[in-house]
Amino acid sequence: MRSHALLPRQYDHQKVLATTVDAWGRALWLICPDAELQPSSYGRPYPQPRTRPYDALLVINSGGTVREQLLRGVSLRVT
């Protein structure tokens, strides 16, 4: 599970909007370069895109092989 829990090191400085593991066991992270931190009444601040739609980077870790997919015009609201 360690590979699913850790964002690949080269993305450490990025703001992650969401993370999950898909049905095939791949770890996925949705990163938004234009995100800003919003305060939260439940603890630490969370990243939120400044505008919608926004561009995002999907990082996929499949058995140690890391791939990127650029997503343009994402209108999904991450909760």
C-alpha atoms as a PDB file:
ATOM      1  CA  MET A   1       0.000   0.000   0.000  1.00  0.00           C
ATOM      2  CA  ARG A   2       2.975   2.334   0.404  1.00  0.00           C
ATOM      3  CA  SER A   3       3.075   3.061  -3.350  1.00  0.00           C
ATOM      4  CA  HIS A   4      -0.589   4.101  -3.193  1.00  0.00           C
ATOM      5  CA  ALA A   5      -0.077   6.386  -0.210  1.00  0.00           C
ATOM      6  CA  LEU A   6       2.832   8.447  -1.498  1.00  0.00           C
ATOM      7  CA  LEU A   7       2.702  11.019  -4.264  1.00  0.00           C
ATOM      8  CA  PRO A   8       5.781  10.570  -6.467  1.00  0.00           C
ATOM      9  CA  ARG A   9       8.531  12.837  -5.158  1.00  0.00           C
ATOM     10  CA  GLN A  10       8.740  15.022  -8.287  1.00  0.00           C
ATOM     11  CA  TYR A  11       5.210  16.311  -7.539  1.00  0.00           C
ATOM     12  CA  ASP A  12       5.770  17.147  -3.843  1.00  0.00           C
ATOM     13  CA  HIS A  13       5.479  20.912  -4.418  1.00  0.00           C
ATOM     14  CA  GLN A  14       2.143  20.604  -6.275  1.00  0.00           C
ATOM     15  CA  LYS A  15      -1.368  21.139  -4.864  1.00  0.00           C
ATOM     16  CA  VAL A  16      -3.322  17.869  -4.969  1.00  0.00           C
ATOM     17  CA  LEU A  17      -7.086  18.279  -5.355  1.00  0.00           C
ATOM     18  CA  ALA A  18      -7.967  14.588  -5.060  1.00  0.00           C
ATOM     19  CA  THR A  19      -6.410  11.140  -4.865  1.00  0.00           C
ATOM     20  CA  THR A  20      -7.775   7.633  -5.271  1.00  0.00           C
ATOM     21  CA  VAL A  21      -6.914   4.070  -6.232  1.00  0.00           C
ATOM     22  CA  ASP A  22      -8.833   2.707  -9.225  1.00  0.00           C
ATOM     23  CA  ALA A  23     -10.248  -0.784  -9.818  1.00  0.00           C
ATOM     24  CA  TRP A  24      -6.940  -1.900 -11.423  1.00  0.00           C
ATOM     25  CA  GLY A  25      -4.861  -0.879  -8.389  1.00  0.00           C
ATOM     26  CA  ARG A  26      -3.389   2.245  -9.974  1.00  0.00           C
ATOM     27  CA  ALA A  27      -2.869   5.247  -7.717  1.00  0.00           C
ATOM     28  CA  LEU A  28      -4.252   8.494  -9.196  1.00  0.00           C
ATOM     29  CA  TRP A  29      -3.698  12.106  -8.168  1.00  0.00           C
ATOM     30  CA  LEU A  30      -5.482  15.139  -9.596  1.00  0.00           C
ATOM     31  CA  ILE A  31      -3.160  18.158  -9.429  1.00  0.00           C
ATOM     32  CA  CYS A  32      -4.128  21.748 -10.183  1.00  0.00           C
ATOM     33  CA  PRO A  33      -1.196  24.131 -10.707  1.00  0.00           C
ATOM     34  CA  ASP A  34      -3.501  27.149 -10.335  1.00  0.00           C
ATOM     35  CA  ALA A  35      -5.028  26.105  -6.997  1.00  0.00           C
ATOM     36  CA  GLU A  36      -5.031  28.240  -3.866  1.00  0.00           C
ATOM     37  CA  LEU A  37      -5.385  27.097  -0.282  1.00  0.00           C
ATOM     38  CA  GLN A  38      -8.813  27.683   1.263  1.00  0.00           C
ATOM     39  CA  PRO A  39      -9.296  27.738   5.044  1.00  0.00           C
ATOM     40  CA  SER A  40     -11.264  24.881   6.569  1.00  0.00           C
ATOM     41  CA  SER A  41     -13.202  24.762   9.817  1.00  0.00           C
ATOM     42  CA  TYR A  42     -12.263  21.051  10.090  1.00  0.00           C
ATOM     43  CA  GLY A  43      -8.494  21.436  10.248  1.00  0.00           C
ATOM     44  CA  ARG A  44      -5.819  22.308   7.741  1.00  0.00           C
ATOM     45  CA  PRO A  45      -6.532  24.307   4.578  1.00  0.00           C
ATOM     46  CA  TYR A  46      -7.374  22.503   1.338  1.00  0.00           C
ATOM     47  CA  PRO A  47      -6.504  23.398  -2.274  1.00  0.00           C
ATOM     48  CA  GLN A  48      -9.276  24.733  -4.518  1.00  0.00           C
ATOM     49  CA  PRO A  49      -9.008  25.838  -8.181  1.00  0.00           C
ATOM     50  CA  ARG A  50      -9.130  29.630  -8.578  1.00  0.00           C
ATOM     51  CA  THR A  51     -11.444  29.436 -11.601  1.00  0.00           C
ATOM     52  CA  ARG A  52     -13.769  26.959 -13.279  1.00  0.00           C
ATOM     53  CA  PRO A  53     -13.273  25.334 -15.643  1.00  0.00           C
ATOM     54  CA  TYR A  54      -9.625  24.712 -14.799  1.00  0.00           C
ATOM     55  CA  ASP A  55      -6.694  22.772 -16.237  1.00  0.00           C
ATOM     56  CA  ALA A  56      -5.326  19.866 -14.215  1.00  0.00           C
ATOM     57  CA  LEU A  57      -2.678  17.195 -14.351  1.00  0.00           C
ATOM     58  CA  LEU A  58      -3.656  13.585 -13.695  1.00  0.00           C
ATOM     59  CA  VAL A  59      -0.716  11.600 -12.310  1.00  0.00           C
ATOM     60  CA  ILE A  60      -1.063   7.824 -12.611  1.00  0.00           C
ATOM     61  CA  ASN A  61       1.190   5.347 -10.778  1.00  0.00           C
ATOM     62  CA  SER A  62       0.806   1.865 -12.193  1.00  0.00           C
ATOM     63  CA  GLY A  63       3.159  -0.579 -10.491  1.00  0.00           C
ATOM     64  CA  GLY A  64       5.914   2.002 -10.112  1.00  0.00           C
ATOM     65  CA  THR A  65       5.546   3.433 -13.629  1.00  0.00           C
ATOM     66  CA  VAL A  66       4.405   7.054 -13.403  1.00  0.00           C
ATOM     67  CA  ARG A  67       2.465   8.637 -16.282  1.00  0.00           C
ATOM     68  CA  GLU A  68       0.881  12.062 -16.713  1.00  0.00           C
ATOM     69  CA  GLN A  69      -2.298  13.083 -18.519  1.00  0.00           C
ATOM     70  CA  LEU A  70      -3.067  16.775 -19.019  1.00  0.00           C
ATOM     71  CA  LEU A  71      -6.752  17.591 -18.594  1.00  0.00           C
ATOM     72  CA  ARG A  72      -8.118  20.853 -20.006  1.00  0.00           C
ATOM     73  CA  GLY A  73     -11.392  22.544 -19.133  1.00  0.00           C
ATOM     74  CA  VAL A  74     -12.216  20.456 -16.053  1.00  0.00           C
ATOM     75  CA  SER A  75     -15.455  21.638 -14.484  1.00  0.00           C
ATOM     76  CA  LEU A  76     -15.619  19.007 -11.745  1.00  0.00           C
ATOM     77  CA  ARG A  77     -15.964  20.391  -8.233  1.00  0.00           C
ATOM     78  CA  VAL A  78     -13.733  18.349  -5.940  1.00  0.00           C
ATOM     79  CA  THR A  79     -15.077  17.803  -2.430  1.00  0.00           C
END
